[in-house]
Amino acid sequence: MKKTIIATTIAALLSASALPVLAQDAGVQVDTGAGVTVDTPAVDAAAGVDANAKANANANAGGMSDNTYGSVVSSIKGSADVDLTTVTEEANITIVLLSSLQGNAANEAAALDEALTANADGMTTLHTNIDGNAAIKAKLEAEGHTSADVVAVKSNADGSVIVYVDDRA
C-alpha cells in the first residue's frame, strides 16, 4: 500500500511540475498556483534543440573548439611531437587558417607569435615531419600552402588531424 501511495504522489508531483512547461511551449498563460503567472509566446523548441545539438556536435568533432587562438597556441608546443606517420589519405585532414580563428586577432595574435618564437626549434621539426607525410603535404598543396605555412598540428583520438596554417601575410 505504501508503494502505491508513494508512486501516486511522485506521479502527481511530476505531472504538476511539467504542466507549466508544456503550457509555456504551447504559448498559453498558466497560473502555477503560487501567484506566479507564466506567459510566453509559443516557440519551436525543436529548433533550439537542433541548433544546440549541431553546435555541440561541431565542437566535439573539431569544429568550434578547434577554431580559436587558444587552441592553436596550446597546440604549438606539442606539434613537433605529433606522430604524423599514422596519417594516411583515408584520414580526415582539416586545414584551419589563422584568419578564420574566433577571437580578437589584435590581442591574441601577439600571444600566438610569442608561442611561435618560443618554439622555433619545434617548428623546424614540425615542417620536416609534414614534408615526410604525403597525405598532409598533398592536402596543403591542394589548398595552395606549403609545410612552411603550418604553425601547429593537432591529432584527435578518432585519427583526424587539424593543420593550422598561417595565412596572415
Protein backbone atom coordinates (compact mmCIF):
# COMPACT_ATOMS: atom_id res chain seq x y z
CA MET A 1 0.00 0.00 0.00
CA LYS A 2 2.85 2.36 0.87
CA LYS A 3 4.44 1.80 -2.56
CA THR A 4 1.17 2.72 -4.29
CA ILE A 5 0.84 5.93 -2.29
CA ILE A 6 4.47 6.88 -2.93
CA ALA A 7 4.20 6.12 -6.65
CA THR A 8 0.95 8.12 -6.91
CA THR A 9 2.48 11.05 -5.05
CA ILE A 10 5.57 11.08 -7.27
CA ALA A 11 3.46 10.87 -10.42
CA ALA A 12 1.30 13.75 -9.23
CA LEU A 13 4.33 15.90 -8.44
CA LEU A 14 5.95 15.17 -11.79
CA SER A 15 2.82 15.95 -13.77
CA ALA A 16 2.18 19.14 -11.78
CA SER A 17 5.71 20.39 -12.41
CA ALA A 18 5.54 19.54 -16.11
CA LEU A 19 2.23 21.35 -16.72
CA PRO A 20 3.66 24.90 -16.75
CA VAL A 21 6.48 23.86 -19.06
CA LEU A 22 4.12 22.21 -21.51
CA ALA A 23 1.78 25.16 -21.41
CA GLN A 24 4.69 27.56 -21.90
CA ASP A 25 5.74 25.69 -25.04
CA ALA A 26 2.18 25.90 -26.30
CA GLY A 27 2.16 29.67 -25.82
CA VAL A 28 -0.55 29.91 -23.19
CA GLN A 29 -0.78 31.60 -19.83
CA VAL A 30 -0.63 29.37 -16.76
CA ASP A 31 -1.12 30.23 -13.12
CA THR A 32 1.17 27.92 -11.19
CA GLY A 33 -0.85 28.33 -8.01
CA ALA A 34 1.81 30.25 -6.16
CA GLY A 35 0.76 33.63 -7.51
CA VAL A 36 3.20 33.33 -10.43
CA THR A 37 1.93 33.51 -13.96
CA VAL A 38 3.88 32.27 -16.95
CA ASP A 39 3.03 33.97 -20.23
CA THR A 40 5.30 33.39 -23.18
CA PRO A 41 4.74 33.13 -26.90
CA ALA A 42 4.90 29.71 -28.47
CA VAL A 43 8.36 28.82 -29.69
CA ASP A 44 9.65 25.96 -31.72
CA ALA A 45 11.54 24.08 -29.03
CA ALA A 46 12.85 21.60 -31.59
CA ALA A 47 14.69 24.33 -33.49
CA GLY A 48 16.52 25.36 -30.30
CA VAL A 49 17.45 21.79 -29.60
CA ASP A 50 18.63 21.21 -33.16
CA ALA A 51 20.79 24.34 -33.13
CA ASN A 52 22.35 23.41 -29.81
CA ALA A 53 22.89 19.82 -30.88
CA LYS A 54 24.63 20.97 -34.07
CA ALA A 55 26.83 23.40 -32.17
CA ASN A 56 27.80 20.70 -29.67
CA ALA A 57 28.43 18.19 -32.45
CA ASN A 58 30.68 20.66 -34.26
CA ALA A 59 32.57 21.43 -31.09
CA ASN A 60 33.06 17.76 -30.34
CA ALA A 61 34.05 16.95 -33.90
CA GLY A 62 36.76 19.56 -34.03
CA GLY A 63 34.56 22.44 -35.04
CA MET A 64 34.24 25.46 -32.85
CA SER A 65 36.59 24.36 -30.05
CA ASP A 66 39.47 23.97 -32.52
CA ASN A 67 38.84 27.27 -34.25
CA THR A 68 40.22 29.57 -31.56
CA TYR A 69 43.56 31.23 -30.89
CA GLY A 70 43.76 29.37 -27.59
CA SER A 71 43.52 26.03 -29.36
CA VAL A 72 46.32 26.96 -31.74
CA VAL A 73 48.58 28.34 -29.02
CA SER A 74 48.08 25.21 -26.90
CA SER A 75 48.81 23.00 -29.93
CA ILE A 76 52.04 24.76 -30.94
CA LYS A 77 54.24 23.38 -28.18
CA GLY A 78 53.38 19.72 -28.80
CA SER A 79 53.08 19.85 -32.59
CA ALA A 80 56.62 18.64 -33.22
CA ASP A 81 55.85 15.53 -31.14
CA VAL A 82 52.67 14.56 -33.01
CA ASP A 83 53.19 11.25 -34.79
CA LEU A 84 52.26 12.02 -38.39
CA THR A 85 53.41 8.63 -39.72
CA THR A 86 49.96 7.21 -38.99
CA VAL A 87 48.16 9.89 -41.06
CA THR A 88 47.15 8.48 -44.44
CA GLU A 89 44.96 9.59 -47.34
CA GLU A 90 41.98 8.00 -45.56
CA ALA A 91 42.39 10.30 -42.55
CA ASN A 92 40.17 13.34 -42.13
CA ILE A 93 42.65 16.22 -42.52
CA THR A 94 41.23 19.66 -41.81
CA ILE A 95 43.12 22.84 -42.60
CA VAL A 96 42.27 25.79 -40.37
CA LEU A 97 43.51 29.20 -41.49
CA LEU A 98 44.60 31.62 -38.80
CA SER A 99 42.48 34.31 -40.47
CA SER A 100 39.39 32.20 -39.69
CA LEU A 101 40.04 31.86 -35.96
CA GLN A 102 37.48 33.08 -33.47
CA GLY A 103 38.61 35.75 -31.06
CA ASN A 104 40.23 39.14 -31.13
CA ALA A 105 43.10 38.90 -33.62
CA ALA A 106 44.62 42.19 -32.46
CA ASN A 107 45.03 40.95 -28.89
CA GLU A 108 45.53 37.23 -29.36
CA ALA A 109 47.89 37.28 -32.34
CA ALA A 110 50.66 38.62 -30.08
CA ALA A 111 50.39 35.55 -27.81
CA LEU A 112 50.41 33.34 -30.90
CA ASP A 113 53.56 35.00 -32.23
CA GLU A 114 55.25 34.65 -28.83
CA ALA A 115 54.44 30.92 -28.76
CA LEU A 116 55.83 30.51 -32.28
CA THR A 117 59.05 32.33 -31.37
CA ALA A 118 59.47 30.30 -28.17
CA ASN A 119 59.03 27.07 -30.15
CA ALA A 120 61.20 27.86 -33.19
CA ASP A 121 63.08 24.55 -32.97
CA GLY A 122 59.80 22.67 -32.77
CA MET A 123 58.57 24.46 -35.89
CA THR A 124 61.56 23.17 -37.85
CA THR A 125 60.83 19.62 -36.71
CA LEU A 126 57.12 20.04 -37.49
CA HIS A 127 57.82 21.25 -41.04
CA THR A 128 60.19 18.32 -41.63
CA ASN A 129 57.55 15.88 -40.33
CA ILE A 130 54.90 17.39 -42.60
CA ASP A 131 57.19 17.19 -45.63
CA GLY A 132 57.54 13.50 -44.84
CA ASN A 133 53.79 12.88 -44.83
CA ALA A 134 52.31 12.55 -48.32
CA ALA A 135 48.67 12.93 -47.21
CA ILE A 136 49.12 16.18 -45.29
CA LYS A 137 51.52 17.60 -47.87
CA ALA A 138 49.03 16.85 -50.69
CA LYS A 139 46.17 18.47 -48.76
CA LEU A 140 48.26 21.58 -48.13
CA GLU A 141 49.36 21.84 -51.77
CA ALA A 142 45.79 21.36 -52.98
CA GLU A 143 44.81 24.44 -50.98
CA GLY A 144 47.85 26.47 -52.05
CA HIS A 145 50.02 26.08 -48.94
CA THR A 146 53.35 24.53 -48.03
CA SER A 147 54.70 22.96 -44.85
CA ALA A 148 56.40 26.28 -44.03
CA ASP A 149 52.92 27.84 -43.64
CA VAL A 150 51.95 25.41 -40.87
CA VAL A 151 52.14 26.66 -37.29
CA ALA A 152 50.60 23.70 -35.47
CA VAL A 153 49.11 20.27 -35.90
CA LYS A 154 46.56 18.62 -33.66
CA SER A 155 45.83 14.90 -33.80
CA ASN A 156 42.47 13.74 -32.46
CA ALA A 157 41.60 10.40 -30.88
CA ASP A 158 39.50 9.42 -33.91
CA GLY A 159 42.54 9.68 -36.20
CA SER A 160 41.55 13.02 -37.69
CA VAL A 161 44.14 15.77 -37.93
CA ILE A 162 43.80 19.55 -37.75
CA VAL A 163 46.53 21.53 -39.51
CA TYR A 164 46.76 25.21 -38.56
CA VAL A 165 48.06 27.37 -41.42
CA ASP A 166 49.37 30.92 -41.03
CA ASP A 167 47.80 32.95 -43.83
CA ARG A 168 48.45 36.35 -42.21
CA ALA A 169 50.86 37.54 -44.91
